[in-house]
């Protein structure tokens, strides 16, 4: 009788241990599935970024000023910019899927260096609707030249003629 109860007790302990192992295995399988999904998600994001970068003619970090708010104080935010086929887009990080903002070329009328900037690192983009003047700052003078040249090439010709004719009327 005692050996039968001991055997039953051992069997119950083994059954509990087997159940605990089964639960651990299920948890590990769930963890592996989640890890695989996370890796797949990262791979998809990288694929999108690689596609975006392969179609971009120019990309890199610039600082963009916010419109003067907060008592007229201008603040600068570092953003990752990409010149695409139809717009200048910017992201908080290069791996972000959705852009933080976009400036369409067809509303741009000019890209200008900021003459009052002693460092020679700032430039602006003016919009035809005069809704906003975008101001940017580069880390190096050569970088500013590259961005200004690339963006000027995307200003629609009719915008340039409007700008020139408005300048001629002022004289």
Protein backbone atom coordinates (compact mmCIF):
# COMPACT_ATOMS: atom_id res chain seq x y z
CA UNK A 1 0.00 0.00 0.00
CA UNK A 2 2.79 2.46 0.92
CA UNK A 3 4.67 1.76 -2.30
CA UNK A 4 1.51 2.35 -4.36
CA UNK A 5 1.00 5.78 -2.71
CA UNK A 6 4.70 6.61 -3.23
CA UNK A 7 4.40 5.63 -6.88
CA UNK A 8 1.27 7.80 -7.29
CA UNK A 9 3.04 10.73 -5.60
CA UNK A 10 6.05 10.33 -7.91
CA UNK A 11 3.73 10.18 -10.91
CA UNK A 12 1.96 13.38 -9.79
CA UNK A 13 5.34 15.16 -9.38
CA UNK A 14 6.44 13.97 -12.81
CA UNK A 15 3.13 15.06 -14.32
CA UNK A 16 3.54 18.56 -12.80
CA UNK A 17 7.12 18.73 -14.08
CA UNK A 18 6.00 17.66 -17.56
CA UNK A 19 3.24 20.27 -17.53
CA UNK A 20 5.73 22.97 -16.45
CA UNK A 21 8.07 21.91 -19.27
CA UNK A 22 5.20 22.01 -21.76
CA UNK A 23 4.26 25.53 -20.61
CA UNK A 24 7.92 26.65 -20.86
CA UNK A 25 8.14 25.22 -24.38
CA UNK A 26 4.96 27.08 -25.40
CA UNK A 27 6.34 30.32 -23.94
CA UNK A 28 9.62 29.83 -25.81
CA UNK A 29 7.74 29.14 -29.05
CA UNK A 30 5.70 32.35 -28.54
CA UNK A 31 8.89 34.29 -27.82
CA UNK A 32 10.54 32.88 -30.95
CA UNK A 33 7.45 33.78 -33.02
CA UNK A 34 7.46 37.35 -31.65
CA UNK A 35 11.20 37.66 -32.27
CA UNK A 36 10.77 36.39 -35.83
CA UNK A 37 7.93 38.87 -36.43
CA UNK A 38 10.06 41.70 -35.03
CA UNK A 39 12.98 40.72 -37.28
CA UNK A 40 10.65 40.56 -40.29
CA UNK A 41 9.27 44.01 -39.42
CA UNK A 42 12.79 45.46 -39.16
CA UNK A 43 13.74 43.81 -42.47
CA UNK A 44 10.66 45.34 -44.14
CA UNK A 45 11.52 48.79 -42.75
CA UNK A 46 15.09 48.48 -43.99
CA UNK A 47 13.80 47.40 -47.41
CA UNK A 48 11.60 50.51 -47.59
CA UNK A 49 14.47 52.75 -46.50
CA UNK A 50 16.80 51.14 -49.05
CA UNK A 51 14.19 51.63 -51.78
CA UNK A 52 13.69 55.26 -50.72
CA UNK A 53 17.44 55.89 -50.72
CA UNK A 54 17.97 54.22 -54.08
CA UNK A 55 15.39 56.51 -55.73
CA UNK A 56 16.57 59.63 -53.91
CA UNK A 57 18.92 61.99 -55.69
CA UNK A 58 20.14 63.53 -52.44
CA UNK A 59 19.58 62.73 -48.79
CA UNK A 60 21.09 63.67 -45.47
CA UNK A 61 20.78 65.51 -42.19
CA UNK A 62 19.82 69.20 -42.12
CA UNK A 63 18.46 71.46 -39.43
CA UNK A 64 15.06 73.00 -40.11
CA UNK A 65 13.80 75.99 -38.22
CA UNK A 66 10.31 76.08 -36.86
CA UNK A 67 8.16 79.09 -37.70
CA UNK A 68 8.76 81.82 -35.14
CA UNK A 69 6.53 80.93 -32.24
CA UNK A 70 7.00 81.18 -28.52
CA UNK A 71 7.65 84.91 -28.40
CA UNK A 72 9.50 85.11 -31.72
CA UNK A 73 12.22 82.64 -30.76
CA UNK A 74 13.44 80.51 -33.65
CA UNK A 75 14.23 76.89 -32.77
CA UNK A 76 16.10 74.38 -34.92
CA UNK A 77 15.30 70.67 -35.29
CA UNK A 78 17.61 68.16 -36.89
CA UNK A 79 15.76 66.17 -39.56
CA UNK A 80 16.70 63.65 -42.22
CA UNK A 81 15.84 65.07 -45.66
CA UNK A 82 15.34 63.22 -48.94
CA UNK A 83 14.94 64.77 -52.37
CA UNK A 84 12.42 62.56 -54.16
CA UNK A 85 10.90 62.75 -57.61
CA UNK A 86 8.15 65.24 -56.68
CA UNK A 87 8.96 66.63 -53.23
CA UNK A 88 11.44 67.28 -50.47
CA UNK A 89 10.48 65.01 -47.59
CA UNK A 90 11.86 64.91 -44.09
CA UNK A 91 11.90 62.42 -41.26
CA UNK A 92 12.87 62.44 -37.61
CA UNK A 93 14.97 59.36 -38.33
CA UNK A 94 16.08 57.80 -41.64
CA UNK A 95 14.31 54.54 -40.70
CA UNK A 96 10.89 56.15 -40.14
CA UNK A 97 8.24 54.83 -42.51
CA UNK A 98 6.18 58.00 -42.71
CA UNK A 99 7.71 61.44 -43.29
CA UNK A 100 7.32 64.14 -40.67
CA UNK A 101 6.69 66.62 -43.48
CA UNK A 102 6.83 67.27 -47.21
CA UNK A 103 7.43 70.29 -49.44
CA UNK A 104 6.08 69.83 -52.96
CA UNK A 105 8.24 71.26 -55.74
CA UNK A 106 5.26 72.73 -57.57
CA UNK A 107 4.66 75.22 -54.72
CA UNK A 108 8.31 76.27 -54.50
CA UNK A 109 9.23 79.60 -56.12
CA UNK A 110 12.81 80.04 -54.93
CA UNK A 111 15.71 78.51 -53.05
CA UNK A 112 18.06 81.16 -51.67
CA UNK A 113 21.15 81.42 -49.52
CA UNK A 114 20.60 83.53 -46.42
CA UNK A 115 22.79 86.60 -47.02
CA UNK A 116 22.67 87.74 -43.39
CA UNK A 117 24.01 84.38 -42.19
CA UNK A 118 27.70 84.97 -41.44
CA UNK A 119 28.41 81.23 -41.20
CA UNK A 120 27.22 80.66 -44.79
CA UNK A 121 25.34 77.53 -43.77
CA UNK A 122 21.69 78.62 -44.07
CA UNK A 123 19.26 78.64 -47.01
CA UNK A 124 15.54 79.17 -47.48
CA UNK A 125 12.72 77.81 -49.63
CA UNK A 126 9.90 80.21 -50.53
CA UNK A 127 6.43 78.96 -51.39
CA UNK A 128 4.20 80.41 -54.11
CA UNK A 129 1.27 80.62 -51.72
CA UNK A 130 3.45 82.64 -49.29
CA UNK A 131 2.11 80.37 -46.59
CA UNK A 132 5.57 79.78 -45.19
CA UNK A 133 9.25 80.48 -45.65
CA UNK A 134 11.25 77.37 -44.82
CA UNK A 135 14.69 77.94 -43.33
CA UNK A 136 17.43 75.32 -43.24
CA UNK A 137 20.93 75.06 -41.85
CA UNK A 138 23.72 72.72 -42.99
CA UNK A 139 26.80 71.56 -41.13
CA UNK A 140 29.23 72.64 -43.87
CA UNK A 141 29.32 75.32 -46.58
CA UNK A 142 29.84 72.73 -49.35
CA UNK A 143 26.80 70.82 -48.11
CA UNK A 144 24.69 73.97 -48.40
CA UNK A 145 25.88 74.50 -51.98
CA UNK A 146 24.95 70.92 -52.88
CA UNK A 147 21.44 71.18 -51.38
CA UNK A 148 20.74 74.61 -52.89
CA UNK A 149 21.84 73.47 -56.35
CA UNK A 150 19.80 70.25 -56.16
CA UNK A 151 16.67 72.05 -54.93
CA UNK A 152 16.94 74.92 -57.42
CA UNK A 153 16.94 72.33 -60.19
CA UNK A 154 13.48 71.27 -58.98
CA UNK A 155 11.83 74.70 -58.79
CA UNK A 156 9.26 74.74 -61.61
CA UNK A 157 10.23 77.05 -64.53
CA UNK A 158 6.98 79.04 -64.28
CA UNK A 159 7.82 79.82 -60.65
CA UNK A 160 11.20 81.18 -61.67
CA UNK A 161 9.60 83.43 -64.30
CA UNK A 162 7.09 84.75 -61.75
CA UNK A 163 9.96 85.54 -59.39
CA UNK A 164 12.01 87.28 -62.11
CA UNK A 165 9.04 89.34 -63.36
CA UNK A 166 8.19 90.41 -59.80
CA UNK A 167 11.82 91.51 -59.32
CA UNK A 168 11.75 93.50 -62.57
CA UNK A 169 8.52 95.25 -61.53
CA UNK A 170 10.18 96.42 -58.29
CA UNK A 171 12.90 98.29 -60.25
